[in-house]
Structures are given as C-alpha cells and as structure tokens.
C-alpha cells in the first residue's frame, strides 16, 4: 500500500537517437503502469531541460527538450535542489559521458541503450543494458 517514490533521469543529448528517446519514454510509461509510484522525470543534456512529476493516477505524457552534450551531475543536483527523497533513481542513457559526480544516498540504476564504444563505466550504481 506504500507509494514508491522514484526519480527517472532521461539523457536528452544529441548522441541519443530519436528511437532511443522513444524507447526511454516507453520504459517510463511501463514503470508507471506496473508500480504504484510517484515519479519525477528529469530530462537532461548538459543541463536540466525539464522536470515533470507524475502520481500513480496520472497519464504519463513526457515532454523532452535538449539534444546538446551530455552531463549526468545536473540530474542529481536537481534531486537535491527539489529536496526529493527517492527510493531510487533510474537513469536512461547511452552512457556516452563520464561526468558521474559523487554517489548519492539512494540506489542508482543506469539503463544503457545502445552499444557505443564511447560508453563510460559509472563510478557507482548498477548498469543494465536495454535491448
């Protein structure tokens, strides 16, 4: 009966294809439907471009902007700025960046799309490859 509180970061950088972005959006929709979760979706390239909050009863309609370079740290900074206390953070990305910052106090799951030779290995959290 407890509502799960999640943050989902979406990499909106130029190295992420339109098809990958659509797959990311589909994954967020599936998470929202499968779990009773309050979800904060943060779109980010080199800076946070969008922050959207969804309750378990909302239709998830994600609007993303960006398409610049890649940095991961701004998503974690946004969590702190908004004083969010997630049970975990899921980051949907191609991992083409090494700007991981410091490990937060909550678990992080990196969902890697694609198989880029430029993909970095995160310094914290777990990595799962998306097919």
C-alpha atoms as a PDB file:
ATOM      1  CA  UNK A   1       0.000   0.000   0.000  1.00  0.00           C
ATOM      2  CA  UNK A   2       3.034   2.286   0.247  1.00  0.00           C
ATOM      3  CA  UNK A   3       3.628   4.531  -2.749  1.00  0.00           C
ATOM      4  CA  UNK A   4       7.054   4.149  -4.300  1.00  0.00           C
ATOM      5  CA  UNK A   5       8.897   7.415  -4.928  1.00  0.00           C
ATOM      6  CA  UNK A   6      11.224   7.247  -7.958  1.00  0.00           C
ATOM      7  CA  UNK A   7      13.280   9.689  -9.969  1.00  0.00           C
ATOM      8  CA  UNK A   8      13.930   8.863 -13.604  1.00  0.00           C
ATOM      9  CA  UNK A   9      16.649  10.745 -15.440  1.00  0.00           C
ATOM     10  CA  UNK A  10      16.466  10.791 -19.223  1.00  0.00           C
ATOM     11  CA  UNK A  11      19.541  11.587 -21.295  1.00  0.00           C
ATOM     12  CA  UNK A  12      18.342  14.022 -23.976  1.00  0.00           C
ATOM     13  CA  UNK A  13      21.778  14.605 -25.503  1.00  0.00           C
ATOM     14  CA  UNK A  14      22.464  14.589 -29.223  1.00  0.00           C
ATOM     15  CA  UNK A  15      24.129  11.161 -29.066  1.00  0.00           C
ATOM     16  CA  UNK A  16      20.777   9.603 -28.103  1.00  0.00           C
ATOM     17  CA  UNK A  17      18.709   8.833 -31.193  1.00  0.00           C
ATOM     18  CA  UNK A  18      15.018   9.671 -31.564  1.00  0.00           C
ATOM     19  CA  UNK A  19      14.308   5.928 -31.446  1.00  0.00           C
ATOM     20  CA  UNK A  20      16.194   5.609 -28.162  1.00  0.00           C
ATOM     21  CA  UNK A  21      14.278   8.568 -26.698  1.00  0.00           C
ATOM     22  CA  UNK A  22      11.005   6.932 -27.673  1.00  0.00           C
ATOM     23  CA  UNK A  23      12.166   3.705 -26.029  1.00  0.00           C
ATOM     24  CA  UNK A  24      13.036   5.674 -22.871  1.00  0.00           C
ATOM     25  CA  UNK A  25       9.554   7.201 -22.808  1.00  0.00           C
ATOM     26  CA  UNK A  26       8.005   3.745 -23.254  1.00  0.00           C
ATOM     27  CA  UNK A  27      10.042   2.442 -20.316  1.00  0.00           C
ATOM     28  CA  UNK A  28       8.836   5.276 -18.080  1.00  0.00           C
ATOM     29  CA  UNK A  29       5.253   4.548 -19.107  1.00  0.00           C
ATOM     30  CA  UNK A  30       5.717   0.846 -18.291  1.00  0.00           C
ATOM     31  CA  UNK A  31       7.187   1.656 -14.869  1.00  0.00           C
ATOM     32  CA  UNK A  32       4.278   3.994 -14.133  1.00  0.00           C
ATOM     33  CA  UNK A  33       1.745   1.320 -15.094  1.00  0.00           C
ATOM     34  CA  UNK A  34       3.466  -1.594 -13.330  1.00  0.00           C
ATOM     35  CA  UNK A  35       4.137   0.111  -9.988  1.00  0.00           C
ATOM     36  CA  UNK A  36       2.185   2.372  -7.703  1.00  0.00           C
ATOM     37  CA  UNK A  37       4.799   5.084  -7.955  1.00  0.00           C
ATOM     38  CA  UNK A  38       5.207   8.799  -7.700  1.00  0.00           C
ATOM     39  CA  UNK A  39       7.676   9.515 -10.478  1.00  0.00           C
ATOM     40  CA  UNK A  40       9.744  12.601 -11.133  1.00  0.00           C
ATOM     41  CA  UNK A  41      11.134  12.601 -14.680  1.00  0.00           C
ATOM     42  CA  UNK A  42      14.147  14.829 -15.265  1.00  0.00           C
ATOM     43  CA  UNK A  43      15.304  15.403 -18.842  1.00  0.00           C
ATOM     44  CA  UNK A  44      18.920  16.494 -19.142  1.00  0.00           C
ATOM     45  CA  UNK A  45      21.677  17.020 -21.697  1.00  0.00           C
ATOM     46  CA  UNK A  46      24.376  19.355 -20.256  1.00  0.00           C
ATOM     47  CA  UNK A  47      21.711  20.932 -18.056  1.00  0.00           C
ATOM     48  CA  UNK A  48      18.260  20.040 -16.789  1.00  0.00           C
ATOM     49  CA  UNK A  49      15.751  20.854 -19.528  1.00  0.00           C
ATOM     50  CA  UNK A  50      12.555  19.541 -17.983  1.00  0.00           C
ATOM     51  CA  UNK A  51      11.185  18.308 -14.668  1.00  0.00           C
ATOM     52  CA  UNK A  52       7.817  16.576 -14.604  1.00  0.00           C
ATOM     53  CA  UNK A  53       6.051  14.970 -11.648  1.00  0.00           C
ATOM     54  CA  UNK A  54       3.527  12.152 -12.007  1.00  0.00           C
ATOM     55  CA  UNK A  55       1.324  10.458  -9.416  1.00  0.00           C
ATOM     56  CA  UNK A  56       0.163   6.843  -9.755  1.00  0.00           C
ATOM     57  CA  UNK A  57      -3.113   8.123 -11.232  1.00  0.00           C
ATOM     58  CA  UNK A  58      -1.674  10.417 -13.906  1.00  0.00           C
ATOM     59  CA  UNK A  59      -1.369   9.671 -17.583  1.00  0.00           C
ATOM     60  CA  UNK A  60       2.346   9.857 -18.275  1.00  0.00           C
ATOM     61  CA  UNK A  61       2.924  12.344 -21.071  1.00  0.00           C
ATOM     62  CA  UNK A  62       6.598  13.235 -21.218  1.00  0.00           C
ATOM     63  CA  UNK A  63       7.855  16.351 -22.941  1.00  0.00           C
ATOM     64  CA  UNK A  64      11.598  16.410 -23.577  1.00  0.00           C
ATOM     65  CA  UNK A  65      13.947  19.085 -24.822  1.00  0.00           C
ATOM     66  CA  UNK A  66      17.690  19.243 -25.220  1.00  0.00           C
ATOM     67  CA  UNK A  67      19.888  17.490 -27.804  1.00  0.00           C
ATOM     68  CA  UNK A  68      23.171  19.108 -26.727  1.00  0.00           C
ATOM     69  CA  UNK A  69      26.141  17.480 -24.988  1.00  0.00           C
ATOM     70  CA  UNK A  70      25.958  15.144 -22.005  1.00  0.00           C
ATOM     71  CA  UNK A  71      26.332  15.598 -18.256  1.00  0.00           C
ATOM     72  CA  UNK A  72      24.831  13.384 -15.571  1.00  0.00           C
ATOM     73  CA  UNK A  73      25.514  15.526 -12.478  1.00  0.00           C
ATOM     74  CA  UNK A  74      22.713  18.092 -13.108  1.00  0.00           C
ATOM     75  CA  UNK A  75      20.045  15.408 -12.546  1.00  0.00           C
ATOM     76  CA  UNK A  76      21.468  14.566  -9.118  1.00  0.00           C
ATOM     77  CA  UNK A  77      21.795  18.284  -8.332  1.00  0.00           C
ATOM     78  CA  UNK A  78      18.106  18.742  -9.264  1.00  0.00           C
ATOM     79  CA  UNK A  79      17.104  15.971  -6.857  1.00  0.00           C
ATOM     80  CA  UNK A  80      18.943  17.843  -4.075  1.00  0.00           C
ATOM     81  CA  UNK A  81      17.590  21.257  -5.133  1.00  0.00           C
ATOM     82  CA  UNK A  82      13.985  20.000  -5.142  1.00  0.00           C
ATOM     83  CA  UNK A  83      14.604  18.161  -1.842  1.00  0.00           C
ATOM     84  CA  UNK A  84      13.384  14.887  -3.326  1.00  0.00           C
ATOM     85  CA  UNK A  85      13.849  11.714  -1.299  1.00  0.00           C
ATOM     86  CA  UNK A  86      13.608   8.914  -3.856  1.00  0.00           C
ATOM     87  CA  UNK A  87      13.763   5.217  -3.059  1.00  0.00           C
ATOM     88  CA  UNK A  88      15.979   5.090  -6.130  1.00  0.00           C
ATOM     89  CA  UNK A  89      16.970   6.823  -9.330  1.00  0.00           C
ATOM     90  CA  UNK A  90      16.810   5.214 -12.760  1.00  0.00           C
ATOM     91  CA  UNK A  91      18.906   6.911 -15.450  1.00  0.00           C
ATOM     92  CA  UNK A  92      18.052   6.070 -19.077  1.00  0.00           C
ATOM     93  CA  UNK A  93      21.106   6.858 -21.193  1.00  0.00           C
ATOM     94  CA  UNK A  94      23.627   5.724 -23.783  1.00  0.00           C
ATOM     95  CA  UNK A  95      26.351   6.316 -21.127  1.00  0.00           C
ATOM     96  CA  UNK A  96      28.408   8.462 -23.513  1.00  0.00           C
ATOM     97  CA  UNK A  97      29.782  10.643 -20.715  1.00  0.00           C
ATOM     98  CA  UNK A  98      31.993  10.281 -17.653  1.00  0.00           C
ATOM     99  CA  UNK A  99      30.507  13.132 -15.584  1.00  0.00           C
ATOM    100  CA  UNK A 100      29.087  10.962 -12.785  1.00  0.00           C
ATOM    101  CA  UNK A 101      29.786  13.133  -9.744  1.00  0.00           C
ATOM    102  CA  UNK A 102      29.518  11.792  -6.211  1.00  0.00           C
ATOM    103  CA  UNK A 103      27.493   8.759  -5.228  1.00  0.00           C
ATOM    104  CA  UNK A 104      24.118   9.788  -3.778  1.00  0.00           C
ATOM    105  CA  UNK A 105      22.464   8.338  -0.645  1.00  0.00           C
ATOM    106  CA  UNK A 106      19.926   6.370  -2.718  1.00  0.00           C
ATOM    107  CA  UNK A 107      20.419   3.483  -5.160  1.00  0.00           C
ATOM    108  CA  UNK A 108      21.046   4.290  -8.829  1.00  0.00           C
ATOM    109  CA  UNK A 109      20.259   2.037 -11.774  1.00  0.00           C
ATOM    110  CA  UNK A 110      21.817   3.038 -15.098  1.00  0.00           C
ATOM    111  CA  UNK A 111      19.850   1.676 -18.058  1.00  0.00           C
ATOM    112  CA  UNK A 112      22.186   1.693 -21.053  1.00  0.00           C
ATOM    113  CA  UNK A 113      20.677   1.886 -24.512  1.00  0.00           C
ATOM    114  CA  UNK A 114      22.851   1.036 -27.477  1.00  0.00           C
ATOM    115  CA  UNK A 115      26.298  -0.460 -27.563  1.00  0.00           C
ATOM    116  CA  UNK A 116      28.550   2.532 -28.089  1.00  0.00           C
ATOM    117  CA  UNK A 117      32.319   2.211 -27.942  1.00  0.00           C
ATOM    118  CA  UNK A 118      32.213   5.627 -26.200  1.00  0.00           C
ATOM    119  CA  UNK A 119      30.111   4.353 -23.287  1.00  0.00           C
ATOM    120  CA  UNK A 120      31.684   5.021 -19.887  1.00  0.00           C
ATOM    121  CA  UNK A 121      31.537   2.791 -16.812  1.00  0.00           C
ATOM    122  CA  UNK A 122      29.685   4.516 -13.972  1.00  0.00           C
ATOM    123  CA  UNK A 123      31.589   5.022 -10.719  1.00  0.00           C
ATOM    124  CA  UNK A 124      28.520   3.978  -8.680  1.00  0.00           C
ATOM    125  CA  UNK A 125      25.225   2.158  -9.117  1.00  0.00           C
ATOM    126  CA  UNK A 126      24.403  -0.797 -11.302  1.00  0.00           C
ATOM    127  CA  UNK A 127      24.250  -0.935 -15.086  1.00  0.00           C
ATOM    128  CA  UNK A 128      21.644  -2.880 -17.065  1.00  0.00           C
ATOM    129  CA  UNK A 129      21.748  -2.975 -20.836  1.00  0.00           C
ATOM    130  CA  UNK A 130      18.484  -2.318 -22.654  1.00  0.00           C
ATOM    131  CA  UNK A 131      17.785  -4.384 -25.751  1.00  0.00           C
END
